[in-house]
Protein backbone atom coordinates (compact mmCIF):
# COMPACT_ATOMS: atom_id res chain seq x y z
CA MET A 1 22.82 2.28 -9.64
CA LYS A 2 21.62 2.02 -13.20
CA ILE A 3 17.90 1.25 -12.91
CA VAL A 4 15.86 0.68 -16.06
CA VAL A 5 12.14 1.40 -15.68
CA ILE A 6 10.01 -0.47 -18.23
CA GLY A 7 6.96 1.70 -18.82
CA GLY A 8 9.02 4.60 -17.52
CA THR A 9 7.01 7.26 -19.36
CA GLY A 10 3.63 6.35 -17.79
CA ARG A 11 1.73 7.60 -14.74
CA ILE A 12 3.81 5.64 -12.21
CA GLY A 13 6.95 5.21 -14.29
CA SER A 14 7.60 8.90 -14.94
CA ARG A 15 7.24 9.69 -11.22
CA LEU A 16 9.53 6.80 -10.32
CA VAL A 17 12.22 7.87 -12.78
CA ALA A 18 12.17 11.39 -11.38
CA ARG A 19 12.42 10.15 -7.77
CA LEU A 20 15.27 7.77 -8.54
CA LYS A 21 17.21 10.47 -10.38
CA GLY A 22 16.69 12.77 -7.41
CA LEU A 23 18.35 10.12 -5.24
CA GLY A 24 21.37 10.00 -7.53
CA HIS A 25 20.58 6.85 -9.52
CA GLU A 26 20.91 6.54 -13.28
CA ALA A 27 17.24 5.95 -14.03
CA ILE A 28 16.39 5.08 -17.62
CA PRO A 29 12.78 5.37 -18.85
CA ALA A 30 12.23 2.47 -21.27
CA ALA A 31 9.12 2.49 -23.45
CA PRO A 32 8.24 2.32 -27.16
CA GLU A 33 8.54 6.10 -27.41
CA THR A 34 12.13 5.89 -26.11
CA GLY A 35 13.02 3.05 -28.50
CA VAL A 36 12.46 0.07 -26.19
CA ASN A 37 9.73 -2.45 -26.98
CA THR A 38 9.36 -5.52 -24.78
CA LEU A 39 6.90 -7.17 -27.19
CA THR A 40 9.34 -7.16 -30.10
CA GLY A 41 12.57 -7.02 -28.09
CA GLU A 42 13.63 -3.85 -29.88
CA GLY A 43 16.18 -1.84 -27.89
CA LEU A 44 16.13 -4.15 -24.85
CA ALA A 45 19.76 -5.27 -24.98
CA GLU A 46 21.00 -1.71 -25.40
CA ALA A 47 18.83 -0.33 -22.57
CA LEU A 48 19.78 -3.10 -20.13
CA ALA A 49 23.54 -2.98 -20.74
CA GLY A 50 25.18 -2.29 -17.38
CA ALA A 51 21.89 -2.19 -15.47
CA GLN A 52 21.73 -3.62 -11.95
CA VAL A 53 17.95 -3.30 -11.55
CA VAL A 54 14.90 -3.45 -13.83
CA VAL A 55 11.49 -2.25 -12.67
CA ASP A 56 8.69 -3.59 -14.88
CA LEU A 57 5.63 -1.33 -14.95
CA ALA A 58 4.52 -2.14 -18.50
CA ASN A 59 0.80 -2.76 -18.99
CA SER A 60 -1.18 -4.46 -21.70
CA PRO A 61 -2.80 -1.96 -24.07
CA SER A 62 -5.88 -4.21 -24.14
CA PHE A 63 -7.93 -5.70 -21.29
CA ALA A 64 -9.31 -8.41 -23.61
CA ASP A 65 -8.50 -11.87 -22.23
CA ASP A 66 -6.37 -13.24 -25.08
CA ALA A 67 -4.64 -9.94 -25.81
CA ALA A 68 -3.64 -9.38 -22.18
CA MET A 69 -2.32 -12.93 -21.83
CA ALA A 70 -0.31 -12.62 -25.07
CA PHE A 71 1.14 -9.30 -23.94
CA PHE A 72 2.27 -10.33 -20.46
CA GLN A 73 3.66 -13.69 -21.58
CA THR A 74 5.52 -12.39 -24.64
CA ALA A 75 6.81 -9.20 -23.02
CA GLY A 76 7.68 -11.08 -19.82
CA ARG A 77 9.71 -13.74 -21.61
CA ASN A 78 11.55 -11.19 -23.74
CA LEU A 79 12.38 -8.96 -20.79
CA LEU A 80 13.53 -11.73 -18.44
CA ALA A 81 15.71 -13.30 -21.14
CA ALA A 82 17.32 -9.92 -21.86
CA GLU A 83 17.89 -9.36 -18.13
CA GLU A 84 19.56 -12.75 -17.75
CA ALA A 85 21.82 -12.03 -20.72
CA ALA A 86 22.72 -8.59 -19.33
CA GLY A 87 23.45 -9.86 -15.83
CA VAL A 88 20.69 -7.86 -14.14
CA LYS A 89 20.68 -8.56 -10.39
CA HIS A 90 17.15 -7.51 -9.39
CA HIS A 91 13.84 -7.65 -11.24
CA VAL A 92 11.02 -5.66 -9.63
CA ALA A 93 7.47 -5.99 -10.96
CA LEU A 94 4.21 -4.33 -10.03
CA SER A 95 1.18 -6.62 -9.95
CA ILE A 96 -2.33 -6.49 -8.47
CA VAL A 97 -3.67 -7.43 -5.05
CA GLY A 98 -6.14 -10.30 -5.37
CA ALA A 99 -5.00 -11.33 -8.87
CA ASP A 100 -4.89 -15.01 -7.87
CA ARG A 101 -8.30 -14.83 -6.16
CA LEU A 102 -10.24 -13.80 -9.29
CA PRO A 103 -9.59 -16.34 -12.07
CA ALA A 104 -12.79 -15.27 -13.84
CA SER A 105 -10.97 -12.11 -14.93
CA GLY A 106 -8.85 -12.79 -18.00
CA TYR A 107 -6.72 -9.73 -17.30
CA LEU A 108 -5.93 -10.93 -13.78
CA ARG A 109 -5.16 -14.43 -15.07
CA ALA A 110 -2.62 -12.78 -17.36
CA LYS A 111 -1.05 -10.94 -14.41
CA VAL A 112 -0.70 -14.24 -12.53
CA ALA A 113 0.95 -15.75 -15.60
CA GLN A 114 3.40 -12.84 -15.60
CA GLU A 115 4.16 -13.46 -11.92
CA ASP A 116 4.78 -17.16 -12.62
CA LEU A 117 7.32 -16.29 -15.33
CA ILE A 118 9.17 -14.03 -12.91
CA LYS A 119 9.28 -16.68 -10.17
CA ALA A 120 10.58 -19.29 -12.63
CA SER A 121 13.34 -17.03 -13.98
CA PRO A 122 16.90 -17.22 -12.59
CA VAL A 123 16.88 -13.43 -12.14
CA PRO A 124 16.36 -12.52 -8.44
CA TYR A 125 13.08 -10.67 -8.00
CA SER A 126 10.72 -8.66 -5.84
CA LEU A 127 6.99 -8.78 -6.64
CA ILE A 128 4.84 -5.90 -5.38
CA ARG A 129 1.10 -6.44 -5.52
CA SER A 130 -0.76 -3.14 -5.30
CA THR A 131 -4.39 -2.27 -4.76
CA GLN A 132 -6.10 -0.09 -7.38
CA PHE A 133 -4.75 3.41 -7.91
CA LEU A 134 -7.01 6.27 -6.81
CA PRO A 135 -7.12 7.88 -10.29
CA PHE A 136 -8.62 4.69 -11.75
CA ILE A 137 -12.02 5.35 -10.18
CA GLY A 138 -13.27 7.17 -13.28
CA GLY A 139 -12.63 4.11 -15.43
CA ILE A 140 -14.19 1.80 -12.84
CA ILE A 141 -17.34 3.92 -12.83
CA ASP A 142 -17.51 4.12 -16.63
CA SER A 143 -17.18 0.34 -16.91
CA ALA A 144 -20.17 -0.13 -14.59
CA VAL A 145 -22.78 2.13 -16.22
CA VAL A 146 -26.03 0.35 -17.08
CA ASP A 147 -28.97 2.45 -18.37
CA GLY A 148 -27.48 5.59 -16.90
CA GLN A 149 -26.96 4.06 -13.47
CA VAL A 150 -23.64 3.00 -11.96
CA ARG A 151 -23.99 -0.61 -10.79
CA LEU A 152 -21.05 -1.61 -8.62
CA SER A 153 -20.19 -4.33 -6.16
CA PRO A 154 -20.22 -3.21 -2.50
CA ALA A 155 -17.04 -5.26 -1.93
CA LEU A 156 -14.21 -3.49 -0.16
CA MET A 157 -11.48 -1.59 -1.98
CA GLN A 158 -8.34 -0.02 -0.51
CA PRO A 159 -7.22 2.45 -3.21
CA ILE A 160 -3.68 3.82 -3.17
CA HIS A 161 -2.25 7.13 -4.37
CA PRO A 162 0.39 6.94 -7.15
CA ASP A 163 2.86 8.79 -4.92
CA ASP A 164 2.54 6.08 -2.28
CA VAL A 165 3.13 3.41 -4.96
CA VAL A 166 6.26 5.22 -6.08
CA ALA A 167 7.49 5.51 -2.49
CA GLU A 168 7.29 1.72 -2.09
CA LEU A 169 9.04 1.11 -5.42
CA VAL A 170 11.82 3.50 -4.40
CA ALA A 171 12.18 1.62 -1.12
CA VAL A 172 12.39 -1.81 -2.79
CA ALA A 173 14.18 -1.36 -6.13
CA PRO A 174 17.68 -0.32 -4.96
CA GLY A 175 17.69 -2.93 -2.18
CA GLU A 176 18.39 -6.63 -2.10
CA PRO A 177 15.88 -8.82 -3.96
CA LEU A 178 13.10 -10.11 -1.72
CA ASN A 179 12.45 -13.24 -3.81
CA ARG A 180 8.86 -13.12 -2.59
CA THR A 181 5.65 -11.12 -2.97
CA ILE A 182 4.64 -8.17 -0.80
CA GLU A 183 1.37 -6.24 -0.82
CA ILE A 184 0.78 -2.50 -0.72
CA GLY A 185 -2.45 -0.55 -0.37
CA GLY A 186 -4.04 2.70 0.62
CA PRO A 187 -4.66 3.72 4.23
CA GLU A 188 -8.40 3.00 4.26
CA ALA A 189 -10.70 0.24 3.08
CA LEU A 190 -14.19 1.22 1.91
CA PRO A 191 -16.92 -0.25 -0.28
CA ILE A 192 -16.41 0.38 -3.97
CA THR A 193 -19.84 2.01 -4.00
CA ALA A 194 -18.78 4.52 -1.33
CA PHE A 195 -15.59 5.24 -3.27
CA ALA A 196 -17.64 5.93 -6.41
CA GLU A 197 -20.21 8.07 -4.58
CA ALA A 198 -17.50 10.27 -3.05
CA TYR A 199 -15.89 10.76 -6.46
CA LEU A 200 -19.15 11.57 -8.25
CA SER A 201 -20.21 13.95 -5.48
CA ALA A 202 -16.89 15.80 -5.67
CA LYS A 203 -17.44 16.21 -9.42
CA SER A 204 -21.10 17.28 -8.98
CA ASP A 205 -22.08 14.24 -11.05
CA THR A 206 -25.67 13.25 -10.25
CA ARG A 207 -25.55 9.69 -11.53
CA ARG A 208 -26.90 7.20 -8.99
CA VAL A 209 -24.70 4.43 -7.64
CA ILE A 210 -26.46 1.09 -7.14
CA ALA A 211 -24.92 -1.53 -4.84
CA ASP A 212 -25.17 -4.87 -6.65
CA PRO A 213 -23.23 -7.84 -5.22
CA ALA A 214 -23.56 -9.60 -8.59
CA ALA A 215 -22.13 -6.70 -10.59
CA PRO A 216 -18.96 -7.88 -12.38
CA TYR A 217 -15.67 -6.14 -11.77
CA PHE A 218 -13.77 -6.40 -15.06
CA GLY A 219 -15.29 -9.84 -15.62
CA ALA A 220 -15.20 -11.17 -12.06
CA VAL A 221 -17.81 -11.25 -9.30
CA LEU A 222 -16.23 -10.09 -6.04
CA GLU A 223 -16.31 -11.40 -2.51
CA GLU A 224 -16.17 -8.77 0.24
CA ARG A 225 -12.37 -8.91 0.61
CA SER A 226 -11.31 -9.92 -2.91
CA LEU A 227 -9.51 -6.64 -3.63
CA ILE A 228 -7.92 -5.72 -0.31
CA PRO A 229 -4.51 -6.77 0.99
CA GLY A 230 -3.92 -9.20 3.80
CA PRO A 231 -2.16 -8.75 7.14
CA GLY A 232 1.31 -7.27 6.92
CA ALA A 233 0.64 -5.14 3.85
CA ARG A 234 2.55 -1.89 3.55
CA LEU A 235 0.03 0.95 3.63
CA GLY A 236 0.29 4.43 2.17
CA THR A 237 -0.75 7.62 3.90
CA ILE A 238 -2.71 9.58 1.27
CA THR A 239 -6.47 9.18 1.73
CA LEU A 240 -9.36 9.38 -0.72
CA ALA A 241 -10.29 12.80 0.70
CA ASP A 242 -6.70 14.00 0.22
CA TRP A 243 -6.73 12.88 -3.40
CA LEU A 244 -10.13 14.41 -4.14
CA ARG A 245 -8.94 17.78 -2.81
CA GLU A 246 -5.83 17.50 -4.97
CA SER A 247 -7.45 16.30 -8.18
CA ILE A 248 -10.87 18.02 -8.25
CA PRO A 249 -10.60 21.78 -7.69
CA ALA A 250 -13.32 23.37 -5.60
CA ASP A 251 -15.83 25.60 -7.39
């Protein structure tokens, strides 16, 4: 199959392209640096010519409310229109578990708007909502620092390894469109505070983590299960401890 991966040069996209090529597919990494821009439409028609599948992994360069909404709506409309014109048979998009449960977050509202565009399009689709990626913990911690302390919600999180995300994308993309949403997550749910403490400890970082139920998570206050998938989710196998051993070398 010819499978075009929008955002195919990023953390997930580059791994996905490599895996698909290894399985014998013609996997095309599409991104501004390869001459494809979903915001302007540049290069889309050429990249999608003859493609059976498009996997959309593009992300807004800004988490600001208006900027994220403008990105996902403009890029989504351009991409879906180009797919329809090219006769693409399967649109696969990666979204976020809990996006519809946290309307206070402008970024998550923008992801829901992207999902709505996909569902309204005539192009058959599969939507994959993922929990947070394990490597994002550094950014989550940095966003929560107040007066040198890390103030985080004790709500549950079920972080997933990028390799497990790619495995699910590889399983879905070449198949028949699901025309529905599935959820994927890591193998273990734990409080965000415990996640952060394990990461900081592994890095010998002495900053204190404070559990604060009112602490915002990218603009939203969390309930205990806001960020974890529901029953029937497809779960990866790589744990937090596995990832810490892989990513933070021992002294």
